[in-house]
Amino acid sequence: MITAARSRAEQRFENIQKRQQKALDEQQKIAEERRAKSARLKELRLAKEAEDIARATEALKRVRES
């Protein structure tokens, strides 16, 4: 037979576990959003660098042809 005190303690423990899990889920969500943002920014940076290289190559070809 479970006493009232033990029942309350178990309920508090469950509530604490739920809050901790919610906090962990939120941290994981934030971390995933940060990784996604970093990946998107890296993709944009690499695309810009590739475009800059292509422009520089074209400009160099035009200078050599002149």
N, C-alpha and C. Protein backbone atom coordinates (compact mmCIF):
# COMPACT_ATOMS: atom_id res chain seq x y z
N MET A 1 0.83 -1.19 0.00
CA MET A 1 0.00 0.00 0.00
C MET A 1 0.88 1.25 0.00
N ILE A 2 0.57 2.14 -0.92
CA ILE A 2 1.36 3.37 -1.04
C ILE A 2 0.78 4.44 -0.13
N THR A 3 1.64 5.07 0.61
CA THR A 3 1.17 6.13 1.51
C THR A 3 0.93 7.40 0.72
N ALA A 4 0.21 8.31 1.34
CA ALA A 4 -0.10 9.59 0.69
C ALA A 4 1.18 10.38 0.43
N ALA A 5 2.10 10.35 1.38
CA ALA A 5 3.36 11.09 1.21
C ALA A 5 4.15 10.54 0.04
N ARG A 6 4.20 9.21 -0.04
CA ARG A 6 4.95 8.61 -1.15
C ARG A 6 4.28 8.92 -2.48
N SER A 7 2.99 8.91 -2.51
CA SER A 7 2.24 9.22 -3.72
C SER A 7 2.53 10.65 -4.19
N ARG A 8 2.53 11.59 -3.25
CA ARG A 8 2.86 12.99 -3.58
C ARG A 8 4.29 13.11 -4.08
N ALA A 9 5.20 12.40 -3.41
CA ALA A 9 6.60 12.44 -3.81
C ALA A 9 6.79 11.89 -5.23
N GLU A 10 6.09 10.82 -5.53
CA GLU A 10 6.19 10.24 -6.87
C GLU A 10 5.61 11.20 -7.91
N GLN A 11 4.52 11.86 -7.55
CA GLN A 11 3.92 12.83 -8.47
C GLN A 11 4.87 14.00 -8.72
N ARG A 12 5.50 14.50 -7.67
CA ARG A 12 6.49 15.58 -7.84
C ARG A 12 7.65 15.12 -8.70
N PHE A 13 8.11 13.90 -8.46
CA PHE A 13 9.22 13.36 -9.25
C PHE A 13 8.83 13.27 -10.73
N GLU A 14 7.62 12.82 -11.02
CA GLU A 14 7.16 12.75 -12.41
C GLU A 14 7.10 14.13 -13.04
N ASN A 15 6.62 15.10 -12.27
CA ASN A 15 6.55 16.47 -12.78
C ASN A 15 7.94 17.03 -13.08
N ILE A 16 8.87 16.75 -12.19
CA ILE A 16 10.24 17.21 -12.41
C ILE A 16 10.82 16.56 -13.66
N GLN A 17 10.59 15.28 -13.83
CA GLN A 17 11.09 14.59 -15.01
C GLN A 17 10.48 15.17 -16.28
N LYS A 18 9.21 15.47 -16.27
CA LYS A 18 8.54 16.06 -17.43
C LYS A 18 9.14 17.42 -17.77
N ARG A 19 9.36 18.24 -16.74
CA ARG A 19 9.96 19.56 -16.97
C ARG A 19 11.37 19.44 -17.53
N GLN A 20 12.14 18.50 -16.98
CA GLN A 20 13.50 18.30 -17.47
C GLN A 20 13.49 17.82 -18.92
N GLN A 21 12.59 16.92 -19.27
CA GLN A 21 12.49 16.43 -20.64
C GLN A 21 12.07 17.56 -21.57
N LYS A 22 11.15 18.38 -21.12
CA LYS A 22 10.71 19.52 -21.94
C LYS A 22 11.88 20.48 -22.17
N ALA A 23 12.65 20.75 -21.14
CA ALA A 23 13.81 21.63 -21.28
C ALA A 23 14.84 21.02 -22.22
N LEU A 24 15.08 19.73 -22.11
CA LEU A 24 16.03 19.05 -22.99
C LEU A 24 15.54 19.09 -24.43
N ASP A 25 14.25 18.85 -24.65
CA ASP A 25 13.70 18.92 -25.99
C ASP A 25 13.87 20.31 -26.59
N GLU A 26 13.65 21.33 -25.77
CA GLU A 26 13.80 22.72 -26.23
C GLU A 26 15.27 23.00 -26.60
N GLN A 27 16.19 22.53 -25.77
CA GLN A 27 17.61 22.73 -26.07
C GLN A 27 17.99 22.03 -27.37
N GLN A 28 17.47 20.83 -27.58
CA GLN A 28 17.77 20.10 -28.80
C GLN A 28 17.18 20.81 -30.02
N LYS A 29 15.99 21.36 -29.86
CA LYS A 29 15.36 22.11 -30.95
C LYS A 29 16.20 23.33 -31.31
N ILE A 30 16.65 24.05 -30.31
CA ILE A 30 17.48 25.24 -30.54
C ILE A 30 18.78 24.86 -31.21
N ALA A 31 19.40 23.78 -30.76
CA ALA A 31 20.65 23.31 -31.36
C ALA A 31 20.45 22.93 -32.82
N GLU A 32 19.35 22.25 -33.12
CA GLU A 32 19.06 21.85 -34.50
C GLU A 32 18.82 23.08 -35.38
N GLU A 33 18.10 24.05 -34.86
CA GLU A 33 17.88 25.29 -35.60
C GLU A 33 19.20 26.01 -35.87
N ARG A 34 20.08 26.02 -34.88
CA ARG A 34 21.39 26.65 -35.05
C ARG A 34 22.21 25.93 -36.10
N ARG A 35 22.19 24.60 -36.08
CA ARG A 35 22.93 23.82 -37.10
C ARG A 35 22.37 24.08 -38.49
N ALA A 36 21.06 24.14 -38.60
CA ALA A 36 20.43 24.39 -39.89
C ALA A 36 20.78 25.79 -40.41
N LYS A 37 20.77 26.76 -39.52
CA LYS A 37 21.12 28.13 -39.92
C LYS A 37 22.57 28.19 -40.35
N SER A 38 23.45 27.55 -39.61
CA SER A 38 24.88 27.55 -39.97
C SER A 38 25.10 26.87 -41.31
N ALA A 39 24.40 25.77 -41.55
CA ALA A 39 24.53 25.07 -42.83
C ALA A 39 24.03 25.94 -43.97
N ARG A 40 22.92 26.64 -43.77
CA ARG A 40 22.38 27.52 -44.80
C ARG A 40 23.35 28.66 -45.10
N LEU A 41 23.90 29.26 -44.05
CA LEU A 41 24.85 30.36 -44.25
C LEU A 41 26.12 29.87 -44.94
N LYS A 42 26.59 28.68 -44.60
CA LYS A 42 27.76 28.12 -45.25
C LYS A 42 27.49 27.89 -46.73
N GLU A 43 26.30 27.37 -47.02
CA GLU A 43 25.92 27.13 -48.41
C GLU A 43 25.90 28.44 -49.20
N LEU A 44 25.35 29.48 -48.61
CA LEU A 44 25.32 30.78 -49.27
C LEU A 44 26.74 31.34 -49.47
N ARG A 45 27.58 31.18 -48.46
CA ARG A 45 28.95 31.68 -48.56
C ARG A 45 29.72 30.95 -49.65
N LEU A 46 29.58 29.64 -49.70
CA LEU A 46 30.28 28.86 -50.72
C LEU A 46 29.77 29.20 -52.12
N ALA A 47 28.48 29.43 -52.25
CA ALA A 47 27.92 29.81 -53.55
C ALA A 47 28.46 31.16 -53.98
N LYS A 48 28.55 32.10 -53.06
CA LYS A 48 29.09 33.42 -53.37
C LYS A 48 30.55 33.32 -53.76
N GLU A 49 31.32 32.52 -53.03
CA GLU A 49 32.74 32.35 -53.37
C GLU A 49 32.89 31.74 -54.75
N ALA A 50 32.06 30.76 -55.08
CA ALA A 50 32.13 30.14 -56.41
C ALA A 50 31.77 31.15 -57.49
N GLU A 51 30.79 31.99 -57.21
CA GLU A 51 30.40 33.02 -58.17
C GLU A 51 31.52 34.04 -58.34
N ASP A 52 32.15 34.43 -57.25
CA ASP A 52 33.27 35.37 -57.32
C ASP A 52 34.42 34.79 -58.15
N ILE A 53 34.71 33.53 -57.96
CA ILE A 53 35.79 32.88 -58.71
C ILE A 53 35.43 32.84 -60.19
N ALA A 54 34.18 32.52 -60.49
CA ALA A 54 33.75 32.48 -61.89
C ALA A 54 33.86 33.85 -62.53
N ARG A 55 33.46 34.89 -61.83
CA ARG A 55 33.57 36.26 -62.36
C ARG A 55 35.03 36.64 -62.57
N ALA A 56 35.87 36.30 -61.62
CA ALA A 56 37.28 36.64 -61.74
C ALA A 56 37.91 35.90 -62.93
N THR A 57 37.52 34.65 -63.13
CA THR A 57 38.03 33.87 -64.25
C THR A 57 37.59 34.49 -65.57
N GLU A 58 36.34 34.88 -65.66
CA GLU A 58 35.83 35.51 -66.88
C GLU A 58 36.55 36.84 -67.13
N ALA A 59 36.75 37.62 -66.09
CA ALA A 59 37.45 38.90 -66.24
C ALA A 59 38.87 38.66 -66.71
N LEU A 60 39.53 37.66 -66.18
CA LEU A 60 40.90 37.35 -66.58
C LEU A 60 40.95 36.91 -68.04
N LYS A 61 39.97 36.13 -68.48
CA LYS A 61 39.92 35.71 -69.88
C LYS A 61 39.74 36.93 -70.80
N ARG A 62 38.88 37.86 -70.41
CA ARG A 62 38.67 39.07 -71.23
C ARG A 62 39.93 39.91 -71.30
N VAL A 63 40.65 40.00 -70.19
CA VAL A 63 41.89 40.78 -70.18
C VAL A 63 42.91 40.14 -71.07
N ARG A 64 43.03 38.83 -71.04
CA ARG A 64 44.00 38.11 -71.87
C ARG A 64 43.65 38.20 -73.34
N GLU A 65 42.35 38.24 -73.66
CA GLU A 65 41.93 38.32 -75.04
C GLU A 65 42.15 39.71 -75.61
N SER A 66 42.22 40.70 -74.78
CA SER A 66 42.39 42.08 -75.25
C SER A 66 43.78 42.38 -75.73
